[in-house]
Amino acid sequence: MISIGRRAADVTLAITSLLSVLLLGTTAGPCLAQATSSSFDHMQLLAASAANPDGASDSVITDHPTDTGAAASGAPQVGLPPEDSGWHFAVSPYLWFPGVHGTIGALGREVSVHATPGDLLSNFRFGLMGAFEARYKRIVLPLDLMWIRLEDDKALPFPNLMATKAKITGSELLLAPKIGYRLLNEERITIDALTGFRYWHVSENLKFVPSNLNLNFSSSQNLVDPLVGGRVQLGLTPKIVANILGDVGGWGTGSQLEYQVAGVLGYKIKPKWTLQAGYRYLSIDYRNGGTVVYLITSGVIFGATIELR
């Protein structure tokens, strides 16, 4: 328990330090080069809402904030935060292709687990992945959902048994609603502080076919972890944005520790459409009543953000 507590503290401190350094660097350092508000707003991390959706689209900003041409076109002036009011919504379907490795155990026994992205895809049967976000001024309300179902069957090497084939089905549901506040809202950078929870539901079903002995088993696990975290969006060019997010939670409430880190690049193809690609890393350490689930799920992620309003 001491080592788990230290690890939780280290992960929490690392994520908090990252956000603090980024915030201090943006407030104390020189401003980044100017870009239009809409060119940055429409490139979001999966389900991130537009930072400045009411700004002018594809307007050229001059070096002088009092330039009459810029004022006439409605472009935001240099050094001034853009105006923003009302509700804004965005939806972000995505596909995550992870591998999984770690340890699972029950009844005092533990086994090592290692599955490549190809292994998971070969047993994939159905899934839903996506995110949604609502924002009102500086209040952000992101929601992330992932549900997948895996299935496999193997012939048994015992021809004299009534059951000749074992079929196993597993499903996993992750639901993470959060609420946050936009600490920094500039033309080329936004920083959000977030809190919320992640709900896990994992179920397993083992069935022998055919079987007249009712040798079928099913089980499920549920847990809820509180989370704290944040995200940073950096405009690199008028059409490209870099996004970083992270969260950490658990601390013995549901799991001993869970944390997530992700980085995504977005490219705007239309005023309200942004394509994204990146990498996502999710770790959980759950121990309860002899059940052990220590798994790391990580891999590439592809998606798109569509601004609804």
Foldseek 3Di string as FASTA:
>chain_A
DVVLVVVQVVVVVVQVVVLVVVVCCCVVDDHDDDAFQLLQQQFDDFADHGLANVAQPPDDADPDQVDPVCVVSRTHGPPDFHDDFDKWKKKKWKDFQKWKWDWWWFPQDIDTDTGHSVRQVVFWDDKGWIKMWMDGNFKIKIKTKIKTKGKDKDADPPVVAPFGMKIKMKMKIKIWIKMWGWPDRHSFKIKIKIKTKIKIKMKMKMDTPPHPPPPIDIDMDIFMWIKIWMKMWGHPDSFKIKIKIKMKTCCPRGFVIKMKIWIKMWGDPDSFKIKIKTKIWIWTFHDDDRITDTMIIIGMMIMMMGIPD
